[in-house]
Amino acid sequence: MTANFIGNPWPLLHAPKVEMLTTDIPVCRFGDLRLVTTSKLDREMVDSYQLVVVAYDGGDPVKSGSLKVTVKVVDTNDNVPVFGRAAYEFTVTEDQPPGSVVGKVRPVNFN
């Protein structure tokens, strides 16, 4: 007797935060497994995903193998630098030597 798989024979055992990824049902029974995104990823929100993929052979008795997978999300430059204030004002005396620090600003970039 052979097990009859309805749907995906390679399910993901979902860990927390993995709702953004799923497996893609292969075209042929022994094809490659593809891990695909289900929506836009944002590295600033979640920088990596840990999951387990389990493959079942469909035999009798059914046998399986599992694989731990880590997906690291690489950042794109999708955020502009932000300053702490909209405007800065500094004063300096006219007799300051060249190279004197007039003021400091520090932008924050969330990338």
PDB file of N, CA and C in Angstrom:
ATOM      1  N   MET A   1       0.833  -1.173   0.000  1.00  0.00           N
ATOM      2  CA  MET A   1       0.000   0.000   0.000  1.00  0.00           C
ATOM      3  C   MET A   1       0.877   1.235   0.000  1.00  0.00           C
ATOM      4  N   THR A   2       0.563   2.211  -0.830  1.00  0.00           N
ATOM      5  CA  THR A   2       1.334   3.446  -0.943  1.00  0.00           C
ATOM      6  C   THR A   2       0.550   4.588  -0.338  1.00  0.00           C
ATOM      7  N   ALA A   3       1.237   5.427   0.424  1.00  0.00           N
ATOM      8  CA  ALA A   3       0.571   6.592   1.006  1.00  0.00           C
ATOM      9  C   ALA A   3       0.175   7.544  -0.105  1.00  0.00           C
ATOM     10  N   ASN A   4      -0.983   8.129   0.010  1.00  0.00           N
ATOM     11  CA  ASN A   4      -1.474   9.069  -0.996  1.00  0.00           C
ATOM     12  C   ASN A   4      -1.380  10.472  -0.429  1.00  0.00           C
ATOM     13  N   PHE A   5      -0.475  11.296  -0.975  1.00  0.00           N
ATOM     14  CA  PHE A   5      -0.285  12.652  -0.493  1.00  0.00           C
ATOM     15  C   PHE A   5      -1.181  13.600  -1.262  1.00  0.00           C
ATOM     16  N   ILE A   6      -2.039  14.277  -0.550  1.00  0.00           N
ATOM     17  CA  ILE A   6      -2.869  15.319  -1.150  1.00  0.00           C
ATOM     18  C   ILE A   6      -2.206  16.613  -0.746  1.00  0.00           C
ATOM     19  N   GLY A   7      -1.776  17.383  -1.690  1.00  0.00           N
ATOM     20  CA  GLY A   7      -1.092  18.632  -1.346  1.00  0.00           C
ATOM     21  C   GLY A   7       0.409  18.442  -1.381  1.00  0.00           C
ATOM     22  N   ASN A   8       1.075  19.086  -0.465  1.00  0.00           N
ATOM     23  CA  ASN A   8       2.529  19.168  -0.479  1.00  0.00           C
ATOM     24  C   ASN A   8       3.166  18.031   0.327  1.00  0.00           C
ATOM     25  N   PRO A   9       3.982  17.154  -0.317  1.00  0.00           N
ATOM     26  CA  PRO A   9       4.654  16.097   0.435  1.00  0.00           C
ATOM     27  C   PRO A   9       5.853  16.607   1.235  1.00  0.00           C
ATOM     28  N   TRP A  10       6.165  17.918   1.116  1.00  0.00           N
ATOM     29  CA  TRP A  10       7.295  18.501   1.830  1.00  0.00           C
ATOM     30  C   TRP A  10       6.832  19.691   2.660  1.00  0.00           C
ATOM     31  N   PRO A  11       6.127  19.452   3.740  1.00  0.00           N
ATOM     32  CA  PRO A  11       5.619  20.585   4.517  1.00  0.00           C
ATOM     33  C   PRO A  11       6.719  21.256   5.328  1.00  0.00           C
ATOM     34  N   LEU A  12       6.477  22.514   5.685  1.00  0.00           N
ATOM     35  CA  LEU A  12       7.348  23.207   6.627  1.00  0.00           C
ATOM     36  C   LEU A  12       6.780  23.004   8.020  1.00  0.00           C
ATOM     37  N   LEU A  13       7.647  22.680   8.956  1.00  0.00           N
ATOM     38  CA  LEU A  13       7.236  22.706  10.346  1.00  0.00           C
ATOM     39  C   LEU A  13       7.507  24.131  10.805  1.00  0.00           C
ATOM     40  N   HIS A  14       6.460  24.910  10.913  1.00  0.00           N
ATOM     41  CA  HIS A  14       6.611  26.339  11.142  1.00  0.00           C
ATOM     42  C   HIS A  14       7.123  26.639  12.541  1.00  0.00           C
ATOM     43  N   ALA A  15       8.144  27.452  12.553  1.00  0.00           N
ATOM     44  CA  ALA A  15       8.647  28.023  13.787  1.00  0.00           C
ATOM     45  C   ALA A  15       8.048  29.427  13.883  1.00  0.00           C
ATOM     46  N   PRO A  16       8.180  30.088  15.013  1.00  0.00           N
ATOM     47  CA  PRO A  16       7.665  31.457  15.100  1.00  0.00           C
ATOM     48  C   PRO A  16       8.257  32.343  14.008  1.00  0.00           C
ATOM     49  N   LYS A  17       7.478  33.229  13.461  1.00  0.00           N
ATOM     50  CA  LYS A  17       7.877  34.232  12.474  1.00  0.00           C
ATOM     51  C   LYS A  17       8.079  33.669  11.074  1.00  0.00           C
ATOM     52  N   VAL A  18       7.677  32.457  10.759  1.00  0.00           N
ATOM     53  CA  VAL A  18       7.943  31.875   9.450  1.00  0.00           C
ATOM     54  C   VAL A  18       6.757  32.032   8.506  1.00  0.00           C
ATOM     55  N   GLU A  19       5.732  32.785   8.878  1.00  0.00           N
ATOM     56  CA  GLU A  19       4.569  32.930   8.017  1.00  0.00           C
ATOM     57  C   GLU A  19       4.881  33.629   6.698  1.00  0.00           C
ATOM     58  N   MET A  20       6.082  34.184   6.548  1.00  0.00           N
ATOM     59  CA  MET A  20       6.462  34.868   5.319  1.00  0.00           C
ATOM     60  C   MET A  20       7.041  33.916   4.273  1.00  0.00           C
ATOM     61  N   LEU A  21       7.237  32.647   4.618  1.00  0.00           N
ATOM     62  CA  LEU A  21       7.842  31.679   3.715  1.00  0.00           C
ATOM     63  C   LEU A  21       6.968  30.433   3.631  1.00  0.00           C
ATOM     64  N   THR A  22       6.998  29.783   2.476  1.00  0.00           N
ATOM     65  CA  THR A  22       6.282  28.521   2.309  1.00  0.00           C
ATOM     66  C   THR A  22       7.035  27.672   1.300  1.00  0.00           C
ATOM     67  N   THR A  23       6.675  26.402   1.204  1.00  0.00           N
ATOM     68  CA  THR A  23       7.250  25.556   0.161  1.00  0.00           C
ATOM     69  C   THR A  23       6.342  25.626  -1.057  1.00  0.00           C
ATOM     70  N   ASP A  24       6.933  25.394  -2.199  1.00  0.00           N
ATOM     71  CA  ASP A  24       6.214  25.421  -3.471  1.00  0.00           C
ATOM     72  C   ASP A  24       6.069  23.982  -3.937  1.00  0.00           C
ATOM     73  N   ILE A  25       4.843  23.563  -4.219  1.00  0.00           N
ATOM     74  CA  ILE A  25       4.617  22.179  -4.648  1.00  0.00           C
ATOM     75  C   ILE A  25       5.339  21.947  -5.974  1.00  0.00           C
ATOM     76  N   PRO A  26       6.201  20.923  -6.046  1.00  0.00           N
ATOM     77  CA  PRO A  26       6.987  20.696  -7.258  1.00  0.00           C
ATOM     78  C   PRO A  26       6.121  20.213  -8.426  1.00  0.00           C
ATOM     79  N   VAL A  27       6.638  20.434  -9.624  1.00  0.00           N
ATOM     80  CA  VAL A  27       5.942  20.007 -10.833  1.00  0.00           C
ATOM     81  C   VAL A  27       5.910  18.491 -10.921  1.00  0.00           C
ATOM     82  N   CYS A  28       7.021  17.845 -10.627  1.00  0.00           N
ATOM     83  CA  CYS A  28       7.037  16.383 -10.648  1.00  0.00           C
ATOM     84  C   CYS A  28       7.297  15.871  -9.235  1.00  0.00           C
ATOM     85  N   ARG A  29       6.930  14.657  -8.982  1.00  0.00           N
ATOM     86  CA  ARG A  29       7.010  14.084  -7.641  1.00  0.00           C
ATOM     87  C   ARG A  29       8.415  14.114  -7.057  1.00  0.00           C
ATOM     88  N   PHE A  30       9.426  13.948  -7.881  1.00  0.00           N
ATOM     89  CA  PHE A  30      10.796  13.901  -7.378  1.00  0.00           C
ATOM     90  C   PHE A  30      11.572  15.157  -7.751  1.00  0.00           C
ATOM     91  N   GLY A  31      10.865  16.264  -7.970  1.00  0.00           N
ATOM     92  CA  GLY A  31      11.516  17.518  -8.327  1.00  0.00           C
ATOM     93  C   GLY A  31      12.146  18.204  -7.127  1.00  0.00           C
ATOM     94  N   ASP A  32      12.764  19.318  -7.400  1.00  0.00           N
ATOM     95  CA  ASP A  32      13.386  20.105  -6.342  1.00  0.00           C
ATOM     96  C   ASP A  32      12.322  20.790  -5.498  1.00  0.00           C
ATOM     97  N   LEU A  33      12.623  20.940  -4.250  1.00  0.00           N
ATOM     98  CA  LEU A  33      11.765  21.698  -3.356  1.00  0.00           C
ATOM     99  C   LEU A  33      12.172  23.159  -3.446  1.00  0.00           C
ATOM    100  N   ARG A  34      11.210  24.042  -3.569  1.00  0.00           N
ATOM    101  CA  ARG A  34      11.503  25.471  -3.620  1.00  0.00           C
ATOM    102  C   ARG A  34      10.900  26.144  -2.396  1.00  0.00           C
ATOM    103  N   LEU A  35      11.673  26.982  -1.761  1.00  0.00           N
ATOM    104  CA  LEU A  35      11.198  27.794  -0.656  1.00  0.00           C
ATOM    105  C   LEU A  35      10.883  29.160  -1.232  1.00  0.00           C
ATOM    106  N   VAL A  36       9.660  29.617  -1.086  1.00  0.00           N
ATOM    107  CA  VAL A  36       9.238  30.871  -1.711  1.00  0.00           C
ATOM    108  C   VAL A  36       8.666  31.813  -0.655  1.00  0.00           C
ATOM    109  N   THR A  37       8.763  33.096  -0.935  1.00  0.00           N
ATOM    110  CA  THR A  37       8.191  34.089  -0.033  1.00  0.00           C
ATOM    111  C   THR A  37       6.692  34.203  -0.293  1.00  0.00           C
ATOM    112  N   THR A  38       5.943  34.476   0.747  1.00  0.00           N
ATOM    113  CA  THR A  38       4.506  34.658   0.609  1.00  0.00           C
ATOM    114  C   THR A  38       4.116  36.128   0.654  1.00  0.00           C
ATOM    115  N   SER A  39       5.043  36.978   1.082  1.00  0.00           N
ATOM    116  CA  SER A  39       4.831  38.418   1.093  1.00  0.00           C
ATOM    117  C   SER A  39       6.190  39.097   1.205  1.00  0.00           C
ATOM    118  N   LYS A  40       6.194  40.420   1.177  1.00  0.00           N
ATOM    119  CA  LYS A  40       7.437  41.190   1.212  1.00  0.00           C
ATOM    120  C   LYS A  40       8.163  40.965   2.537  1.00  0.00           C
ATOM    121  N   LEU A  41       9.465  40.771   2.463  1.00  0.00           N
ATOM    122  CA  LEU A  41      10.287  40.614   3.653  1.00  0.00           C
ATOM    123  C   LEU A  41      10.864  41.974   4.044  1.00  0.00           C
ATOM    124  N   ASP A  42      11.098  42.181   5.326  1.00  0.00           N
ATOM    125  CA  ASP A  42      11.680  43.427   5.823  1.00  0.00           C
ATOM    126  C   ASP A  42      12.709  43.074   6.883  1.00  0.00           C
ATOM    127  N   ARG A  43      13.988  43.241   6.537  1.00  0.00           N
ATOM    128  CA  ARG A  43      15.059  42.858   7.442  1.00  0.00           C
ATOM    129  C   ARG A  43      15.013  43.636   8.759  1.00  0.00           C
ATOM    130  N   GLU A  44      14.512  44.856   8.727  1.00  0.00           N
ATOM    131  CA  GLU A  44      14.428  45.623   9.964  1.00  0.00           C
ATOM    132  C   GLU A  44      13.401  45.020  10.937  1.00  0.00           C
ATOM    133  N   MET A  45      12.428  44.307  10.414  1.00  0.00           N
ATOM    134  CA  MET A  45      11.416  43.659  11.264  1.00  0.00           C
ATOM    135  C   MET A  45      11.858  42.251  11.689  1.00  0.00           C
ATOM    136  N   VAL A  46      12.321  41.453  10.741  1.00  0.00           N
ATOM    137  CA  VAL A  46      12.781  40.083  11.006  1.00  0.00           C
ATOM    138  C   VAL A  46      14.035  39.862  10.168  1.00  0.00           C
ATOM    139  N   ASP A  47      15.163  39.609  10.822  1.00  0.00           N
ATOM    140  CA  ASP A  47      16.416  39.484  10.068  1.00  0.00           C
ATOM    141  C   ASP A  47      16.763  38.055   9.667  1.00  0.00           C
ATOM    142  N   SER A  48      16.053  37.073  10.220  1.00  0.00           N
ATOM    143  CA  SER A  48      16.290  35.689   9.806  1.00  0.00           C
ATOM    144  C   SER A  48      15.094  34.820  10.188  1.00  0.00           C
ATOM    145  N   TYR A  49      15.001  33.687   9.500  1.00  0.00           N
ATOM    146  CA  TYR A  49      13.948  32.719   9.756  1.00  0.00           C
ATOM    147  C   TYR A  49      14.595  31.365  10.006  1.00  0.00           C
ATOM    148  N   GLN A  50      14.118  30.656  10.998  1.00  0.00           N
ATOM    149  CA  GLN A  50      14.585  29.304  11.308  1.00  0.00           C
ATOM    150  C   GLN A  50      13.400  28.371  11.059  1.00  0.00           C
ATOM    151  N   LEU A  51      13.600  27.335  10.289  1.00  0.00           N
ATOM    152  CA  LEU A  51      12.509  26.410  10.013  1.00  0.00           C
ATOM    153  C   LEU A  51      13.042  25.013   9.768  1.00  0.00           C
ATOM    154  N   VAL A  52      12.121  24.066   9.742  1.00  0.00           N
ATOM    155  CA  VAL A  52      12.461  22.674   9.478  1.00  0.00           C
ATOM    156  C   VAL A  52      11.618  22.211   8.300  1.00  0.00           C
ATOM    157  N   VAL A  53      12.267  21.634   7.289  1.00  0.00           N
ATOM    158  CA  VAL A  53      11.576  21.054   6.140  1.00  0.00           C
ATOM    159  C   VAL A  53      11.583  19.537   6.332  1.00  0.00           C
ATOM    160  N   VAL A  54      10.426  18.933   6.157  1.00  0.00           N
ATOM    161  CA  VAL A  54      10.313  17.484   6.290  1.00  0.00           C
ATOM    162  C   VAL A  54       9.887  16.920   4.939  1.00  0.00           C
ATOM    163  N   ALA A  55      10.586  15.894   4.454  1.00  0.00           N
ATOM    164  CA  ALA A  55      10.230  15.231   3.198  1.00  0.00           C
ATOM    165  C   ALA A  55       9.736  13.823   3.522  1.00  0.00           C
ATOM    166  N   TYR A  56       8.584  13.451   2.937  1.00  0.00           N
ATOM    167  CA  TYR A  56       8.021  12.112   3.083  1.00  0.00           C
ATOM    168  C   TYR A  56       8.168  11.381   1.758  1.00  0.00           C
ATOM    169  N   ASP A  57       8.491  10.090   1.811  1.00  0.00           N
ATOM    170  CA  ASP A  57       8.739   9.355   0.580  1.00  0.00           C
ATOM    171  C   ASP A  57       7.496   8.760  -0.059  1.00  0.00           C
ATOM    172  N   GLY A  58       6.389   8.666   0.626  1.00  0.00           N
ATOM    173  CA  GLY A  58       5.174   8.108   0.036  1.00  0.00           C
ATOM    174  C   GLY A  58       5.150   6.597   0.002  1.00  0.00           C
ATOM    175  N   GLY A  59       6.110   5.954   0.628  1.00  0.00           N
ATOM    176  CA  GLY A  59       6.144   4.489   0.632  1.00  0.00           C
ATOM    177  C   GLY A  59       5.311   3.892   1.757  1.00  0.00           C
ATOM    178  N   ASP A  60       5.404   2.574   1.884  1.00  0.00           N
ATOM    179  CA  ASP A  60       4.697   1.877   2.942  1.00  0.00           C
ATOM    180  C   ASP A  60       5.689   0.951   3.622  1.00  0.00           C
ATOM    181  N   PRO A  61       6.134   1.232   4.792  1.00  0.00           N
ATOM    182  CA  PRO A  61       5.713   2.332   5.640  1.00  0.00           C
ATOM    183  C   PRO A  61       6.330   3.659   5.159  1.00  0.00           C
ATOM    184  N   VAL A  62       5.650   4.728   5.494  1.00  0.00           N
ATOM    185  CA  VAL A  62       6.130   6.059   5.106  1.00  0.00           C
ATOM    186  C   VAL A  62       7.394   6.376   5.884  1.00  0.00           C
ATOM    187  N   LYS A  63       8.397   6.863   5.159  1.00  0.00           N
ATOM    188  CA  LYS A  63       9.643   7.290   5.793  1.00  0.00           C
ATOM    189  C   LYS A  63       9.814   8.779   5.523  1.00  0.00           C
ATOM    190  N   SER A  64      10.550   9.419   6.403  1.00  0.00           N
ATOM    191  CA  SER A  64      10.735  10.857   6.244  1.00  0.00           C
ATOM    192  C   SER A  64      12.149  11.259   6.622  1.00  0.00           C
ATOM    193  N   GLY A  65      12.523  12.412   6.151  1.00  0.00           N
ATOM    194  CA  GLY A  65      13.792  13.022   6.521  1.00  0.00           C
ATOM    195  C   GLY A  65      13.531  14.485   6.786  1.00  0.00           C
ATOM    196  N   SER A  66      14.335  15.081   7.640  1.00  0.00           N
ATOM    197  CA  SER A  66      14.126  16.489   7.945  1.00  0.00           C
ATOM    198  C   SER A  66      15.429  17.260   7.833  1.00  0.00           C
ATOM    199  N   LEU A  67      15.282  18.555   7.647  1.00  0.00           N
ATOM    200  CA  LEU A  67      16.433  19.434   7.449  1.00  0.00           C
ATOM    201  C   LEU A  67      16.148  20.756   8.119  1.00  0.00           C
ATOM    202  N   LYS A  68      17.064  21.214   8.967  1.00  0.00           N
ATOM    203  CA  LYS A  68      16.945  22.543   9.570  1.00  0.00           C
ATOM    204  C   LYS A  68      17.467  23.563   8.563  1.00  0.00           C
ATOM    205  N   VAL A  69      16.715  24.636   8.383  1.00  0.00           N
ATOM    206  CA  VAL A  69      17.084  25.663   7.415  1.00  0.00           C
ATOM    207  C   VAL A  69      17.068  27.021   8.110  1.00  0.00           C
ATOM    208  N   THR A  70      18.101  27.821   7.871  1.00  0.00           N
ATOM    209  CA  THR A  70      18.131  29.200   8.327  1.00  0.00           C
ATOM    210  C   THR A  70      18.144  30.081   7.092  1.00  0.00           C
ATOM    211  N   VAL A  71      17.205  31.010   7.026  1.00  0.00           N
ATOM    212  CA  VAL A  71      17.146  31.970   5.926  1.00  0.00           C
ATOM    213  C   VAL A  71      17.498  33.327   6.510  1.00  0.00           C
ATOM    214  N   LYS A  72      18.602  33.916   6.046  1.00  0.00           N
ATOM    215  CA  LYS A  72      19.007  35.244   6.504  1.00  0.00           C
ATOM    216  C   LYS A  72      18.539  36.265   5.479  1.00  0.00           C
ATOM    217  N   VAL A  73      17.857  37.281   5.936  1.00  0.00           N
ATOM    218  CA  VAL A  73      17.346  38.326   5.061  1.00  0.00           C
ATOM    219  C   VAL A  73      18.418  39.399   4.925  1.00  0.00           C
ATOM    220  N   VAL A  74      18.846  39.666   3.695  1.00  0.00           N
ATOM    221  CA  VAL A  74      19.862  40.661   3.416  1.00  0.00           C
ATOM    222  C   VAL A  74      19.174  42.009   3.229  1.00  0.00           C
ATOM    223  N   ASP A  75      19.738  43.007   3.820  1.00  0.00           N
ATOM    224  CA  ASP A  75      19.125  44.327   3.792  1.00  0.00           C
ATOM    225  C   ASP A  75      19.327  45.025   2.458  1.00  0.00           C
ATOM    226  N   THR A  76      18.309  45.755   2.054  1.00  0.00           N
ATOM    227  CA  THR A  76      18.433  46.681   0.934  1.00  0.00           C
ATOM    228  C   THR A  76      18.354  48.081   1.506  1.00  0.00           C
ATOM    229  N   ASN A  77      18.833  49.029   0.772  1.00  0.00           N
ATOM    230  CA  ASN A  77      18.842  50.408   1.249  1.00  0.00           C
ATOM    231  C   ASN A  77      17.460  51.017   1.040  1.00  0.00           C
ATOM    232  N   ASP A  78      16.512  50.635   1.923  1.00  0.00           N
ATOM    233  CA  ASP A  78      15.126  51.062   1.741  1.00  0.00           C
ATOM    234  C   ASP A  78      14.663  52.123   2.730  1.00  0.00           C
ATOM    235  N   ASN A  79      15.564  52.610   3.577  1.00  0.00           N
ATOM    236  CA  ASN A  79      15.215  53.664   4.531  1.00  0.00           C
ATOM    237  C   ASN A  79      16.161  54.847   4.376  1.00  0.00           C
ATOM    238  N   VAL A  80      15.615  56.036   4.458  1.00  0.00           N
ATOM    239  CA  VAL A  80      16.442  57.245   4.377  1.00  0.00           C
ATOM    240  C   VAL A  80      16.996  57.561   5.760  1.00  0.00           C
ATOM    241  N   PRO A  81      18.166  58.197   5.829  1.00  0.00           N
ATOM    242  CA  PRO A  81      18.676  58.620   7.137  1.00  0.00           C
ATOM    243  C   PRO A  81      17.730  59.662   7.759  1.00  0.00           C
ATOM    244  N   VAL A  82      17.604  59.610   9.078  1.00  0.00           N
ATOM    245  CA  VAL A  82      16.728  60.523   9.806  1.00  0.00           C
ATOM    246  C   VAL A  82      17.564  61.278  10.833  1.00  0.00           C
ATOM    247  N   PHE A  83      17.369  62.596  10.884  1.00  0.00           N
ATOM    248  CA  PHE A  83      18.059  63.420  11.865  1.00  0.00           C
ATOM    249  C   PHE A  83      17.156  63.609  13.078  1.00  0.00           C
ATOM    250  N   GLY A  84      17.765  63.902  14.224  1.00  0.00           N
ATOM    251  CA  GLY A  84      17.007  64.094  15.449  1.00  0.00           C
ATOM    252  C   GLY A  84      16.140  65.333  15.438  1.00  0.00           C
ATOM    253  N   ARG A  85      16.509  66.340  14.662  1.00  0.00           N
ATOM    254  CA  ARG A  85      15.729  67.570  14.558  1.00  0.00           C
ATOM    255  C   ARG A  85      15.600  67.962  13.096  1.00  0.00           C
ATOM    256  N   ALA A  86      14.628  68.804  12.810  1.00  0.00           N
ATOM    257  CA  ALA A  86      14.412  69.269  11.435  1.00  0.00           C
ATOM    258  C   ALA A  86      15.483  70.275  11.012  1.00  0.00           C
ATOM    259  N   ALA A  87      16.028  71.038  11.961  1.00  0.00           N
ATOM    260  CA  ALA A  87      17.056  72.041  11.647  1.00  0.00           C
ATOM    261  C   ALA A  87      18.028  72.151  12.822  1.00  0.00           C
ATOM    262  N   TYR A  88      19.261  72.475  12.515  1.00  0.00           N
ATOM    263  CA  TYR A  88      20.289  72.685  13.530  1.00  0.00           C
ATOM    264  C   TYR A  88      20.862  74.078  13.337  1.00  0.00           C
ATOM    265  N   GLU A  89      21.277  74.699  14.416  1.00  0.00           N
ATOM    266  CA  GLU A  89      21.922  76.012  14.339  1.00  0.00           C
ATOM    267  C   GLU A  89      23.130  75.998  15.256  1.00  0.00           C
ATOM    268  N   PHE A  90      24.263  76.430  14.725  1.00  0.00           N
ATOM    269  CA  PHE A  90      25.498  76.492  15.499  1.00  0.00           C
ATOM    270  C   PHE A  90      26.056  77.893  15.395  1.00  0.00           C
ATOM    271  N   THR A  91      26.756  78.327  16.411  1.00  0.00           N
ATOM    272  CA  THR A  91      27.450  79.617  16.365  1.00  0.00           C
ATOM    273  C   THR A  91      28.937  79.369  16.501  1.00  0.00           C
ATOM    274  N   VAL A  92      29.703  80.218  15.881  1.00  0.00           N
ATOM    275  CA  VAL A  92      31.154  80.095  15.923  1.00  0.00           C
ATOM    276  C   VAL A  92      31.747  81.504  15.884  1.00  0.00           C
ATOM    277  N   THR A  93      32.796  81.713  16.623  1.00  0.00           N
ATOM    278  CA  THR A  93      33.453  83.015  16.595  1.00  0.00           C
ATOM    279  C   THR A  93      34.348  83.101  15.373  1.00  0.00           C
ATOM    280  N   GLU A  94      34.535  84.312  14.899  1.00  0.00           N
ATOM    281  CA  GLU A  94      35.298  84.512  13.664  1.00  0.00           C
ATOM    282  C   GLU A  94      36.770  84.190  13.802  1.00  0.00           C
ATOM    283  N   ASP A  95      37.264  84.086  15.026  1.00  0.00           N
ATOM    284  CA  ASP A  95      38.695  83.828  15.195  1.00  0.00           C
ATOM    285  C   ASP A  95      39.016  82.347  15.435  1.00  0.00           C
ATOM    286  N   GLN A  96      38.064  81.461  15.187  1.00  0.00           N
ATOM    287  CA  GLN A  96      38.332  80.030  15.338  1.00  0.00           C
ATOM    288  C   GLN A  96      39.324  79.581  14.265  1.00  0.00           C
ATOM    289  N   PRO A  97      40.305  78.781  14.631  1.00  0.00           N
ATOM    290  CA  PRO A  97      41.281  78.312  13.640  1.00  0.00           C
ATOM    291  C   PRO A  97      40.645  77.296  12.687  1.00  0.00           C
ATOM    292  N   PRO A  98      41.214  77.156  11.487  1.00  0.00           N
ATOM    293  CA  PRO A  98      40.710  76.143  10.550  1.00  0.00           C
ATOM    294  C   PRO A  98      40.755  74.753  11.193  1.00  0.00           C
ATOM    295  N   GLY A  99      39.754  73.982  10.943  1.00  0.00           N
ATOM    296  CA  GLY A  99      39.675  72.633  11.496  1.00  0.00           C
ATOM    297  C   GLY A  99      38.905  72.564  12.811  1.00  0.00           C
ATOM    298  N   SER A 100      38.442  73.719  13.309  1.00  0.00           N
ATOM    299  CA  SER A 100      37.668  73.721  14.548  1.00  0.00           C
ATOM    300  C   SER A 100      36.302  73.077  14.307  1.00  0.00           C
ATOM    301  N   VAL A 101      35.832  72.364  15.291  1.00  0.00           N
ATOM    302  CA  VAL A 101      34.502  71.755  15.204  1.00  0.00           C
ATOM    303  C   VAL A 101      33.470  72.835  15.462  1.00  0.00           C
ATOM    304  N   VAL A 102      32.571  73.027  14.508  1.00  0.00           N
ATOM    305  CA  VAL A 102      31.524  74.031  14.629  1.00  0.00           C
ATOM    306  C   VAL A 102      30.299  73.423  15.317  1.00  0.00           C
ATOM    307  N   GLY A 103      29.998  72.170  15.029  1.00  0.00           N
ATOM    308  CA  GLY A 103      28.856  71.477  15.619  1.00  0.00           C
ATOM    309  C   GLY A 103      28.837  70.046  15.136  1.00  0.00           C
ATOM    310  N   LYS A 104      28.008  69.243  15.750  1.00  0.00           N
ATOM    311  CA  LYS A 104      27.896  67.838  15.353  1.00  0.00           C
ATOM    312  C   LYS A 104      26.426  67.484  15.164  1.00  0.00           C
ATOM    313  N   VAL A 105      26.168  66.696  14.135  1.00  0.00           N
ATOM    314  CA  VAL A 105      24.845  66.120  13.915  1.00  0.00           C
ATOM    315  C   VAL A 105      25.044  64.623  13.693  1.00  0.00           C
ATOM    316  N   ARG A 106      24.046  63.867  14.058  1.00  0.00           N
ATOM    317  CA  ARG A 106      24.154  62.420  13.874  1.00  0.00           C
ATOM    318  C   ARG A 106      22.858  61.887  13.280  1.00  0.00           C
ATOM    319  N   PRO A 107      22.908  61.542  12.001  1.00  0.00           N
ATOM    320  CA  PRO A 107      21.714  60.914  11.419  1.00  0.00           C
ATOM    321  C   PRO A 107      21.633  59.449  11.821  1.00  0.00           C
ATOM    322  N   VAL A 108      20.422  58.936  11.875  1.00  0.00           N
ATOM    323  CA  VAL A 108      20.194  57.520  12.162  1.00  0.00           C
ATOM    324  C   VAL A 108      19.657  56.884  10.891  1.00  0.00           C
ATOM    325  N   ASN A 109      20.299  55.797  10.493  1.00  0.00           N
ATOM    326  CA  ASN A 109      19.864  55.069   9.298  1.00  0.00           C
ATOM    327  C   ASN A 109      19.438  53.682   9.740  1.00  0.00           C
ATOM    328  N   PHE A 110      18.172  53.339   9.538  1.00  0.00           N
ATOM    329  CA  PHE A 110      17.646  52.056  10.008  1.00  0.00           C
ATOM    330  C   PHE A 110      17.970  50.896   9.085  1.00  0.00           C
ATOM    331  N   ASN A 111      18.858  51.090   8.115  1.00  0.00           N
ATOM    332  CA  ASN A 111      19.262  49.989   7.243  1.00  0.00           C
ATOM    333  C   ASN A 111      20.353  49.221   7.900  1.00  0.00           C
TER     334      ASN A 111
END
